[in-house]
Amino acid sequence: MLKVLKLKKAIYVIILGILALVAAQIMSENKVDGSNFILGASGVFFIIGALMFLYPILFAKKLDNEEENVELKPVGKEVAEDS
């Protein structure tokens, strides 16, 4: 599912956000200058990761217009139609 929806990059960005958050907490405990900058960068990584998770949902297309069930497909992937 992660490969189909191309969510690997979003996971990597969230992991970077977690690592930056941990680094900011360590820096603030040791009273190192720049911990606020790293904390801000962590927040930016979390926001970007959340938007990347929402991208397949916002830009997906319905497979069939006639059916009541709604299944979404990623924009870049084509579905083979049966004749």
PDB file of N, CA and C in Angstrom:
ATOM      1  N   MET A   1       0.819  -1.192   0.000  1.00  0.00           N
ATOM      2  CA  MET A   1       0.000   0.000   0.000  1.00  0.00           C
ATOM      3  C   MET A   1       0.865   1.261   0.000  1.00  0.00           C
ATOM      4  N   LEU A   2       1.971   1.239   0.733  1.00  0.00           N
ATOM      5  CA  LEU A   2       2.842   2.405   0.768  1.00  0.00           C
ATOM      6  C   LEU A   2       3.490   2.657  -0.590  1.00  0.00           C
ATOM      7  N   LYS A   3       3.836   1.571  -1.300  1.00  0.00           N
ATOM      8  CA  LYS A   3       4.427   1.740  -2.618  1.00  0.00           C
ATOM      9  C   LYS A   3       3.408   2.234  -3.627  1.00  0.00           C
ATOM     10  N   VAL A   4       2.194   1.712  -3.565  1.00  0.00           N
ATOM     11  CA  VAL A   4       1.163   2.077  -4.526  1.00  0.00           C
ATOM     12  C   VAL A   4       0.804   3.556  -4.391  1.00  0.00           C
ATOM     13  N   LEU A   5       0.639   4.025  -3.181  1.00  0.00           N
ATOM     14  CA  LEU A   5       0.257   5.412  -2.961  1.00  0.00           C
ATOM     15  C   LEU A   5       1.458   6.352  -2.864  1.00  0.00           C
ATOM     16  N   LYS A   6       2.661   5.816  -2.963  1.00  0.00           N
ATOM     17  CA  LYS A   6       3.896   6.601  -2.925  1.00  0.00           C
ATOM     18  C   LYS A   6       4.012   7.400  -1.630  1.00  0.00           C
ATOM     19  N   LEU A   7       3.895   6.701  -0.502  1.00  0.00           N
ATOM     20  CA  LEU A   7       3.959   7.346   0.805  1.00  0.00           C
ATOM     21  C   LEU A   7       5.304   7.174   1.495  1.00  0.00           C
ATOM     22  N   LYS A   8       6.273   6.554   0.826  1.00  0.00           N
ATOM     23  CA  LYS A   8       7.578   6.336   1.464  1.00  0.00           C
ATOM     24  C   LYS A   8       8.256   7.658   1.810  1.00  0.00           C
ATOM     25  N   LYS A   9       8.152   8.632   0.907  1.00  0.00           N
ATOM     26  CA  LYS A   9       8.776   9.928   1.163  1.00  0.00           C
ATOM     27  C   LYS A   9       8.142  10.600   2.375  1.00  0.00           C
ATOM     28  N   ALA A  10       6.843  10.457   2.525  1.00  0.00           N
ATOM     29  CA  ALA A  10       6.155  11.055   3.669  1.00  0.00           C
ATOM     30  C   ALA A  10       6.632  10.431   4.970  1.00  0.00           C
ATOM     31  N   ILE A  11       6.855   9.129   4.953  1.00  0.00           N
ATOM     32  CA  ILE A  11       7.355   8.456   6.155  1.00  0.00           C
ATOM     33  C   ILE A  11       8.758   8.944   6.494  1.00  0.00           C
ATOM     34  N   TYR A  12       9.596   9.121   5.473  1.00  0.00           N
ATOM     35  CA  TYR A  12      10.952   9.620   5.710  1.00  0.00           C
ATOM     36  C   TYR A  12      10.931  11.038   6.295  1.00  0.00           C
ATOM     37  N   VAL A  13      10.026  11.869   5.825  1.00  0.00           N
ATOM     38  CA  VAL A  13       9.934  13.241   6.338  1.00  0.00           C
ATOM     39  C   VAL A  13       9.444  13.234   7.781  1.00  0.00           C
ATOM     40  N   ILE A  14       8.492  12.368   8.114  1.00  0.00           N
ATOM     41  CA  ILE A  14       8.020  12.262   9.497  1.00  0.00           C
ATOM     42  C   ILE A  14       9.143  11.776  10.409  1.00  0.00           C
ATOM     43  N   ILE A  15       9.942  10.817   9.938  1.00  0.00           N
ATOM     44  CA  ILE A  15      11.072  10.322  10.729  1.00  0.00           C
ATOM     45  C   ILE A  15      12.086  11.440  10.946  1.00  0.00           C
ATOM     46  N   LEU A  16      12.339  12.259   9.913  1.00  0.00           N
ATOM     47  CA  LEU A  16      13.227  13.410  10.085  1.00  0.00           C
ATOM     48  C   LEU A  16      12.672  14.381  11.125  1.00  0.00           C
ATOM     49  N   GLY A  17      11.364  14.563  11.128  1.00  0.00           N
ATOM     50  CA  GLY A  17      10.738  15.429  12.127  1.00  0.00           C
ATOM     51  C   GLY A  17      10.917  14.906  13.537  1.00  0.00           C
ATOM     52  N   ILE A  18      10.785  13.597  13.697  1.00  0.00           N
ATOM     53  CA  ILE A  18      10.979  12.995  15.027  1.00  0.00           C
ATOM     54  C   ILE A  18      12.424  13.143  15.474  1.00  0.00           C
ATOM     55  N   LEU A  19      13.358  12.887  14.563  1.00  0.00           N
ATOM     56  CA  LEU A  19      14.783  13.035  14.913  1.00  0.00           C
ATOM     57  C   LEU A  19      15.138  14.479  15.254  1.00  0.00           C
ATOM     58  N   ALA A  20      14.565  15.423  14.504  1.00  0.00           N
ATOM     59  CA  ALA A  20      14.818  16.832  14.805  1.00  0.00           C
ATOM     60  C   ALA A  20      14.203  17.223  16.140  1.00  0.00           C
ATOM     61  N   LEU A  21      13.043  16.665  16.475  1.00  0.00           N
ATOM     62  CA  LEU A  21      12.416  16.944  17.770  1.00  0.00           C
ATOM     63  C   LEU A  21      13.275  16.424  18.914  1.00  0.00           C
ATOM     64  N   VAL A  22      13.787  15.218  18.767  1.00  0.00           N
ATOM     65  CA  VAL A  22      14.664  14.649  19.800  1.00  0.00           C
ATOM     66  C   VAL A  22      15.930  15.488  19.941  1.00  0.00           C
ATOM     67  N   ALA A  23      16.506  15.896  18.802  1.00  0.00           N
ATOM     68  CA  ALA A  23      17.718  16.732  18.848  1.00  0.00           C
ATOM     69  C   ALA A  23      17.439  18.071  19.518  1.00  0.00           C
ATOM     70  N   ALA A  24      16.272  18.664  19.241  1.00  0.00           N
ATOM     71  CA  ALA A  24      15.925  19.944  19.861  1.00  0.00           C
ATOM     72  C   ALA A  24      15.756  19.797  21.370  1.00  0.00           C
ATOM     73  N   GLN A  25      15.159  18.693  21.804  1.00  0.00           N
ATOM     74  CA  GLN A  25      14.987  18.480  23.245  1.00  0.00           C
ATOM     75  C   GLN A  25      16.330  18.279  23.937  1.00  0.00           C
ATOM     76  N   ILE A  26      17.223  17.545  23.295  1.00  0.00           N
ATOM     77  CA  ILE A  26      18.562  17.337  23.868  1.00  0.00           C
ATOM     78  C   ILE A  26      19.319  18.656  23.924  1.00  0.00           C
ATOM     79  N   MET A  27      19.203  19.444  22.849  1.00  0.00           N
ATOM     80  CA  MET A  27      19.890  20.738  22.815  1.00  0.00           C
ATOM     81  C   MET A  27      19.335  21.690  23.877  1.00  0.00           C
ATOM     82  N   SER A  28      18.032  21.692  24.109  1.00  0.00           N
ATOM     83  CA  SER A  28      17.461  22.583  25.112  1.00  0.00           C
ATOM     84  C   SER A  28      17.827  22.148  26.529  1.00  0.00           C
ATOM     85  N   GLU A  29      17.951  20.842  26.747  1.00  0.00           N
ATOM     86  CA  GLU A  29      18.384  20.362  28.070  1.00  0.00           C
ATOM     87  C   GLU A  29      19.817  20.780  28.367  1.00  0.00           C
ATOM     88  N   ASN A  30      20.660  20.797  27.342  1.00  0.00           N
ATOM     89  CA  ASN A  30      22.065  21.188  27.510  1.00  0.00           C
ATOM     90  C   ASN A  30      22.285  22.676  27.307  1.00  0.00           C
ATOM     91  N   LYS A  31      21.188  23.429  27.145  1.00  0.00           N
ATOM     92  CA  LYS A  31      21.228  24.882  26.973  1.00  0.00           C
ATOM     93  C   LYS A  31      22.141  25.301  25.818  1.00  0.00           C
ATOM     94  N   VAL A  32      21.953  24.665  24.670  1.00  0.00           N
ATOM     95  CA  VAL A  32      22.710  24.975  23.460  1.00  0.00           C
ATOM     96  C   VAL A  32      21.898  25.950  22.626  1.00  0.00           C
ATOM     97  N   ASP A  33      22.593  26.973  22.093  1.00  0.00           N
ATOM     98  CA  ASP A  33      21.903  27.922  21.224  1.00  0.00           C
ATOM     99  C   ASP A  33      21.462  27.228  19.938  1.00  0.00           C
ATOM    100  N   GLY A  34      20.332  27.628  19.416  1.00  0.00           N
ATOM    101  CA  GLY A  34      19.832  27.071  18.170  1.00  0.00           C
ATOM    102  C   GLY A  34      18.818  25.968  18.355  1.00  0.00           C
ATOM    103  N   SER A  35      18.462  25.662  19.592  1.00  0.00           N
ATOM    104  CA  SER A  35      17.482  24.590  19.803  1.00  0.00           C
ATOM    105  C   SER A  35      16.105  25.000  19.290  1.00  0.00           C
ATOM    106  N   ASN A  36      15.797  26.302  19.371  1.00  0.00           N
ATOM    107  CA  ASN A  36      14.505  26.772  18.856  1.00  0.00           C
ATOM    108  C   ASN A  36      14.430  26.624  17.342  1.00  0.00           C
ATOM    109  N   PHE A  37      15.535  26.853  16.650  1.00  0.00           N
ATOM    110  CA  PHE A  37      15.574  26.681  15.197  1.00  0.00           C
ATOM    111  C   PHE A  37      15.332  25.219  14.816  1.00  0.00           C
ATOM    112  N   ILE A  38      15.968  24.303  15.526  1.00  0.00           N
ATOM    113  CA  ILE A  38      15.791  22.876  15.252  1.00  0.00           C
ATOM    114  C   ILE A  38      14.359  22.453  15.577  1.00  0.00           C
ATOM    115  N   LEU A  39      13.782  23.016  16.627  1.00  0.00           N
ATOM    116  CA  LEU A  39      12.393  22.722  16.969  1.00  0.00           C
ATOM    117  C   LEU A  39      11.445  23.213  15.876  1.00  0.00           C
ATOM    118  N   GLY A  40      11.728  24.383  15.326  1.00  0.00           N
ATOM    119  CA  GLY A  40      10.931  24.899  14.209  1.00  0.00           C
ATOM    120  C   GLY A  40      11.069  24.032  12.973  1.00  0.00           C
ATOM    121  N   ALA A  41      12.288  23.564  12.701  1.00  0.00           N
ATOM    122  CA  ALA A  41      12.516  22.677  11.562  1.00  0.00           C
ATOM    123  C   ALA A  41      11.745  21.367  11.748  1.00  0.00           C
ATOM    124  N   SER A  42      11.694  20.883  12.974  1.00  0.00           N
ATOM    125  CA  SER A  42      10.929  19.674  13.267  1.00  0.00           C
ATOM    126  C   SER A  42       9.451  19.876  12.950  1.00  0.00           C
ATOM    127  N   GLY A  43       8.912  21.002  13.338  1.00  0.00           N
ATOM    128  CA  GLY A  43       7.516  21.305  13.035  1.00  0.00           C
ATOM    129  C   GLY A  43       7.258  21.385  11.539  1.00  0.00           C
ATOM    130  N   VAL A  44       8.199  21.979  10.803  1.00  0.00           N
ATOM    131  CA  VAL A  44       8.063  22.064   9.351  1.00  0.00           C
ATOM    132  C   VAL A  44       8.072  20.667   8.740  1.00  0.00           C
ATOM    133  N   PHE A  45       8.950  19.791   9.219  1.00  0.00           N
ATOM    134  CA  PHE A  45       8.987  18.414   8.714  1.00  0.00           C
ATOM    135  C   PHE A  45       7.673  17.689   8.981  1.00  0.00           C
ATOM    136  N   PHE A  46       7.091  17.899  10.171  1.00  0.00           N
ATOM    137  CA  PHE A  46       5.810  17.261  10.484  1.00  0.00           C
ATOM    138  C   PHE A  46       4.690  17.774   9.581  1.00  0.00           C
ATOM    139  N   ILE A  47       4.660  19.071   9.321  1.00  0.00           N
ATOM    140  CA  ILE A  47       3.624  19.643   8.464  1.00  0.00           C
ATOM    141  C   ILE A  47       3.762  19.128   7.034  1.00  0.00           C
ATOM    142  N   ILE A  48       4.981  19.109   6.516  1.00  0.00           N
ATOM    143  CA  ILE A  48       5.210  18.620   5.156  1.00  0.00           C
ATOM    144  C   ILE A  48       4.849  17.141   5.057  1.00  0.00           C
ATOM    145  N   GLY A  49       5.218  16.354   6.063  1.00  0.00           N
ATOM    146  CA  GLY A  49       4.876  14.936   6.062  1.00  0.00           C
ATOM    147  C   GLY A  49       3.372  14.712   6.090  1.00  0.00           C
ATOM    148  N   ALA A  50       2.656  15.502   6.873  1.00  0.00           N
ATOM    149  CA  ALA A  50       1.197  15.367   6.931  1.00  0.00           C
ATOM    150  C   ALA A  50       0.560  15.723   5.595  1.00  0.00           C
ATOM    151  N   LEU A  51       1.057  16.765   4.941  1.00  0.00           N
ATOM    152  CA  LEU A  51       0.526  17.135   3.629  1.00  0.00           C
ATOM    153  C   LEU A  51       0.834  16.076   2.584  1.00  0.00           C
ATOM    154  N   MET A  52       1.996  15.437   2.703  1.00  0.00           N
ATOM    155  CA  MET A  52       2.338  14.369   1.761  1.00  0.00           C
ATOM    156  C   MET A  52       1.453  13.144   1.977  1.00  0.00           C
ATOM    157  N   PHE A  53       1.017  12.898   3.210  1.00  0.00           N
ATOM    158  CA  PHE A  53       0.072  11.809   3.467  1.00  0.00           C
ATOM    159  C   PHE A  53      -1.305  12.123   2.876  1.00  0.00           C
ATOM    160  N   LEU A  54      -1.693  13.396   2.854  1.00  0.00           N
ATOM    161  CA  LEU A  54      -2.999  13.780   2.334  1.00  0.00           C
ATOM    162  C   LEU A  54      -3.041  13.864   0.814  1.00  0.00           C
ATOM    163  N   TYR A  55      -1.905  13.989   0.164  1.00  0.00           N
ATOM    164  CA  TYR A  55      -1.848  14.178  -1.285  1.00  0.00           C
ATOM    165  C   TYR A  55      -2.600  13.104  -2.074  1.00  0.00           C
ATOM    166  N   PRO A  56      -2.407  11.794  -1.797  1.00  0.00           N
ATOM    167  CA  PRO A  56      -3.144  10.791  -2.591  1.00  0.00           C
ATOM    168  C   PRO A  56      -4.659  10.869  -2.400  1.00  0.00           C
ATOM    169  N   ILE A  57      -5.105  11.297  -1.249  1.00  0.00           N
ATOM    170  CA  ILE A  57      -6.539  11.398  -0.991  1.00  0.00           C
ATOM    171  C   ILE A  57      -7.135  12.590  -1.739  1.00  0.00           C
ATOM    172  N   LEU A  58      -6.433  13.704  -1.721  1.00  0.00           N
ATOM    173  CA  LEU A  58      -6.964  14.915  -2.338  1.00  0.00           C
ATOM    174  C   LEU A  58      -6.980  14.850  -3.858  1.00  0.00           C
ATOM    175  N   PHE A  59      -6.005  14.159  -4.458  1.00  0.00           N
ATOM    176  CA  PHE A  59      -5.882  14.156  -5.908  1.00  0.00           C
ATOM    177  C   PHE A  59      -6.163  12.792  -6.531  1.00  0.00           C
ATOM    178  N   ALA A  60      -6.972  11.983  -5.874  1.00  0.00           N
ATOM    179  CA  ALA A  60      -7.330  10.662  -6.404  1.00  0.00           C
ATOM    180  C   ALA A  60      -8.569  10.782  -7.286  1.00  0.00           C
ATOM    181  N   LYS A  61      -8.736   9.794  -8.156  1.00  0.00           N
ATOM    182  CA  LYS A  61      -9.891   9.750  -9.046  1.00  0.00           C
ATOM    183  C   LYS A  61     -10.744   8.535  -8.701  1.00  0.00           C
ATOM    184  N   LYS A  62     -12.049   8.648  -8.931  1.00  0.00           N
ATOM    185  CA  LYS A  62     -12.928   7.499  -8.731  1.00  0.00           C
ATOM    186  C   LYS A  62     -12.710   6.498  -9.850  1.00  0.00           C
ATOM    187  N   LEU A  63     -12.777   5.204  -9.529  1.00  0.00           N
ATOM    188  CA  LEU A  63     -12.591   4.175 -10.540  1.00  0.00           C
ATOM    189  C   LEU A  63     -13.793   4.075 -11.464  1.00  0.00           C
ATOM    190  N   ASP A  64     -14.978   3.883 -10.922  1.00  0.00           N
ATOM    191  CA  ASP A  64     -16.191   3.755 -11.724  1.00  0.00           C
ATOM    192  C   ASP A  64     -17.220   4.755 -11.216  1.00  0.00           C
ATOM    193  N   ASN A  65     -17.863   5.435 -12.132  1.00  0.00           N
ATOM    194  CA  ASN A  65     -18.865   6.430 -11.738  1.00  0.00           C
ATOM    195  C   ASN A  65     -20.227   5.807 -11.453  1.00  0.00           C
ATOM    196  N   GLU A  66     -20.485   4.585 -11.954  1.00  0.00           N
ATOM    197  CA  GLU A  66     -21.798   3.981 -11.807  1.00  0.00           C
ATOM    198  C   GLU A  66     -22.001   3.295 -10.462  1.00  0.00           C
ATOM    199  N   GLU A  67     -20.965   2.789  -9.874  1.00  0.00           N
ATOM    200  CA  GLU A  67     -21.098   1.996  -8.654  1.00  0.00           C
ATOM    201  C   GLU A  67     -21.305   2.882  -7.429  1.00  0.00           C
ATOM    202  N   GLU A  68     -21.912   2.268  -6.400  1.00  0.00           N
ATOM    203  CA  GLU A  68     -22.090   2.982  -5.141  1.00  0.00           C
ATOM    204  C   GLU A  68     -20.820   2.955  -4.301  1.00  0.00           C
ATOM    205  N   ASN A  69     -20.050   1.866  -4.408  1.00  0.00           N
ATOM    206  CA  ASN A  69     -18.801   1.774  -3.666  1.00  0.00           C
ATOM    207  C   ASN A  69     -17.769   2.692  -4.307  1.00  0.00           C
ATOM    208  N   VAL A  70     -17.032   3.389  -3.461  1.00  0.00           N
ATOM    209  CA  VAL A  70     -16.025   4.323  -3.960  1.00  0.00           C
ATOM    210  C   VAL A  70     -14.653   3.767  -3.619  1.00  0.00           C
ATOM    211  N   GLU A  71     -13.875   3.519  -4.652  1.00  0.00           N
ATOM    212  CA  GLU A  71     -12.481   3.130  -4.478  1.00  0.00           C
ATOM    213  C   GLU A  71     -11.643   4.156  -5.215  1.00  0.00           C
ATOM    214  N   LEU A  72     -10.619   4.653  -4.557  1.00  0.00           N
ATOM    215  CA  LEU A  72      -9.789   5.676  -5.163  1.00  0.00           C
ATOM    216  C   LEU A  72      -8.509   5.068  -5.697  1.00  0.00           C
ATOM    217  N   LYS A  73      -8.048   5.592  -6.808  1.00  0.00           N
ATOM    218  CA  LYS A  73      -6.774   5.159  -7.367  1.00  0.00           C
ATOM    219  C   LYS A  73      -5.842   6.357  -7.386  1.00  0.00           C
ATOM    220  N   PRO A  74      -4.543   6.135  -7.253  1.00  0.00           N
ATOM    221  CA  PRO A  74      -3.602   7.247  -7.351  1.00  0.00           C
ATOM    222  C   PRO A  74      -3.652   7.868  -8.744  1.00  0.00           C
ATOM    223  N   VAL A  75      -3.315   9.130  -8.839  1.00  0.00           N
ATOM    224  CA  VAL A  75      -3.417   9.856 -10.092  1.00  0.00           C
ATOM    225  C   VAL A  75      -2.496   9.261 -11.150  1.00  0.00           C
ATOM    226  N   GLY A  76      -1.282   8.896 -10.782  1.00  0.00           N
ATOM    227  CA  GLY A  76      -0.301   8.459 -11.759  1.00  0.00           C
ATOM    228  C   GLY A  76      -0.482   7.062 -12.263  1.00  0.00           C
ATOM    229  N   LYS A  77      -1.336   6.261 -11.654  1.00  0.00           N
ATOM    230  CA  LYS A  77      -1.466   4.856 -12.021  1.00  0.00           C
ATOM    231  C   LYS A  77      -2.721   4.637 -12.862  1.00  0.00           C
ATOM    232  N   GLU A  78      -2.577   3.980 -13.986  1.00  0.00           N
ATOM    233  CA  GLU A  78      -3.706   3.697 -14.866  1.00  0.00           C
ATOM    234  C   GLU A  78      -4.283   2.326 -14.531  1.00  0.00           C
ATOM    235  N   VAL A  79      -5.599   2.195 -14.620  1.00  0.00           N
ATOM    236  CA  VAL A  79      -6.273   0.934 -14.360  1.00  0.00           C
ATOM    237  C   VAL A  79      -6.664   0.321 -15.698  1.00  0.00           C
ATOM    238  N   ALA A  80      -6.338  -0.964 -15.892  1.00  0.00           N
ATOM    239  CA  ALA A  80      -6.695  -1.635 -17.137  1.00  0.00           C
ATOM    240  C   ALA A  80      -8.183  -1.948 -17.128  1.00  0.00           C
ATOM    241  N   GLU A  81      -8.862  -1.573 -18.200  1.00  0.00           N
ATOM    242  CA  GLU A  81     -10.293  -1.806 -18.289  1.00  0.00           C
ATOM    243  C   GLU A  81     -10.557  -3.061 -19.075  1.00  0.00           C
ATOM    244  N   ASP A  82     -11.542  -3.862 -18.625  1.00  0.00           N
ATOM    245  CA  ASP A  82     -11.927  -5.077 -19.336  1.00  0.00           C
ATOM    246  C   ASP A  82     -12.946  -4.744 -20.410  1.00  0.00           C
ATOM    247  N   SER A  83     -12.812  -5.359 -21.579  1.00  0.00           N
ATOM    248  CA  SER A  83     -13.749  -5.089 -22.683  1.00  0.00           C
ATOM    249  C   SER A  83     -14.879  -6.065 -22.691  1.00  0.00           C
TER     250      SER A  83
END
